[in-house]
Amino acid sequence: TEELKEYFSQFGSVQRCQLPFDKDTGFHRRYCWIKFSTPQDVQNVFQKDSHILEGAKLTLKQQSRRRHSQRKNQSE
């Protein structure tokens, strides 16, 4: 996790880095989530053609922003 956070911090401010592990094997699940502070930080990552970390080429996908549904209190 620290290596991922350190690598991606060159593109902007990393707010959170999550690397899930398999409870049975103890190995990571070969994917992670990186949350950046600003949309510009995200764009900085995608401007680079390829990303290689510890000899492995990373495949990046941008997750669409989650929308929080608002509950409306209706009075009768």
Protein backbone atom coordinates (compact mmCIF):
# COMPACT_ATOMS: atom_id res chain seq x y z
CA THR A 1 0.00 0.00 0.00
CA GLU A 2 2.78 2.45 0.87
CA GLU A 3 4.57 1.75 -2.42
CA LEU A 4 1.37 2.46 -4.36
CA LYS A 5 0.70 5.64 -2.41
CA GLU A 6 4.27 6.81 -2.91
CA TYR A 7 4.18 6.07 -6.65
CA PHE A 8 0.88 7.81 -7.30
CA SER A 9 1.74 10.83 -5.15
CA GLN A 10 3.98 12.05 -7.98
CA PHE A 11 0.76 12.88 -9.87
CA GLY A 12 -1.01 14.70 -7.05
CA SER A 13 -2.23 14.47 -3.49
CA VAL A 14 -3.36 10.93 -2.62
CA GLN A 15 -6.15 10.99 -0.05
CA ARG A 16 -6.59 7.24 0.29
CA CYS A 17 -5.08 4.03 -1.04
CA GLN A 18 -6.89 0.73 -0.54
CA LEU A 19 -5.32 -2.60 -1.50
CA PRO A 20 -7.66 -5.47 -0.59
CA PHE A 21 -6.20 -8.80 0.47
CA ASP A 22 -7.68 -12.28 0.16
CA LYS A 23 -8.28 -13.65 3.66
CA ASP A 24 -7.66 -17.25 2.54
CA THR A 25 -4.41 -16.80 0.62
CA GLY A 26 -3.03 -13.68 2.30
CA PHE A 27 -2.15 -12.22 -1.10
CA HIS A 28 -3.51 -8.97 -2.48
CA ARG A 29 -6.32 -9.29 -5.01
CA ARG A 30 -4.41 -7.63 -7.87
CA TYR A 31 -6.41 -4.41 -7.78
CA CYS A 32 -6.59 -1.30 -5.62
CA TRP A 33 -8.39 2.01 -5.30
CA ILE A 34 -6.56 5.32 -5.24
CA LYS A 35 -8.46 8.44 -4.22
CA PHE A 36 -6.97 11.78 -5.21
CA SER A 37 -7.74 15.20 -3.77
CA THR A 38 -8.74 16.84 -7.05
CA PRO A 39 -9.98 15.82 -10.51
CA GLN A 40 -6.82 17.42 -11.94
CA ASP A 41 -4.69 14.93 -9.97
CA VAL A 42 -6.63 12.11 -11.64
CA GLN A 43 -6.07 13.63 -15.08
CA ASN A 44 -2.34 13.86 -14.34
CA VAL A 45 -2.24 10.08 -13.86
CA PHE A 46 -3.95 9.40 -17.18
CA GLN A 47 -1.62 11.73 -19.09
CA LYS A 48 1.22 9.23 -18.66
CA ASP A 49 1.15 6.42 -21.24
CA SER A 50 2.07 3.51 -19.00
CA HIS A 51 2.66 2.86 -15.33
CA ILE A 52 5.09 0.22 -14.07
CA LEU A 53 5.51 -0.55 -10.39
CA GLU A 54 7.96 -3.18 -9.15
CA GLY A 55 8.24 -4.62 -12.66
CA ALA A 56 4.49 -4.98 -13.20
CA LYS A 57 2.57 -2.92 -15.74
CA LEU A 58 -0.49 -1.36 -14.14
CA THR A 59 -3.84 -1.12 -15.89
CA LEU A 60 -5.76 1.96 -14.81
CA LYS A 61 -9.49 2.56 -14.88
CA GLN A 62 -11.25 5.68 -13.74
CA GLN A 63 -14.22 5.01 -11.51
CA SER A 64 -17.22 7.23 -12.05
CA ARG A 65 -18.03 9.46 -9.13
CA ARG A 66 -20.57 8.06 -6.73
CA ARG A 67 -23.73 10.04 -6.37
CA HIS A 68 -25.37 10.23 -3.00
CA SER A 69 -29.11 10.08 -3.18
CA GLN A 70 -30.87 12.66 -1.10
CA ARG A 71 -33.81 11.62 0.96
CA LYS A 72 -36.60 14.13 1.11
CA ASN A 73 -38.73 14.39 4.19
CA GLN A 74 -42.31 14.74 3.11
CA SER A 75 -44.83 16.01 5.53
CA GLU A 76 -48.44 14.93 5.17
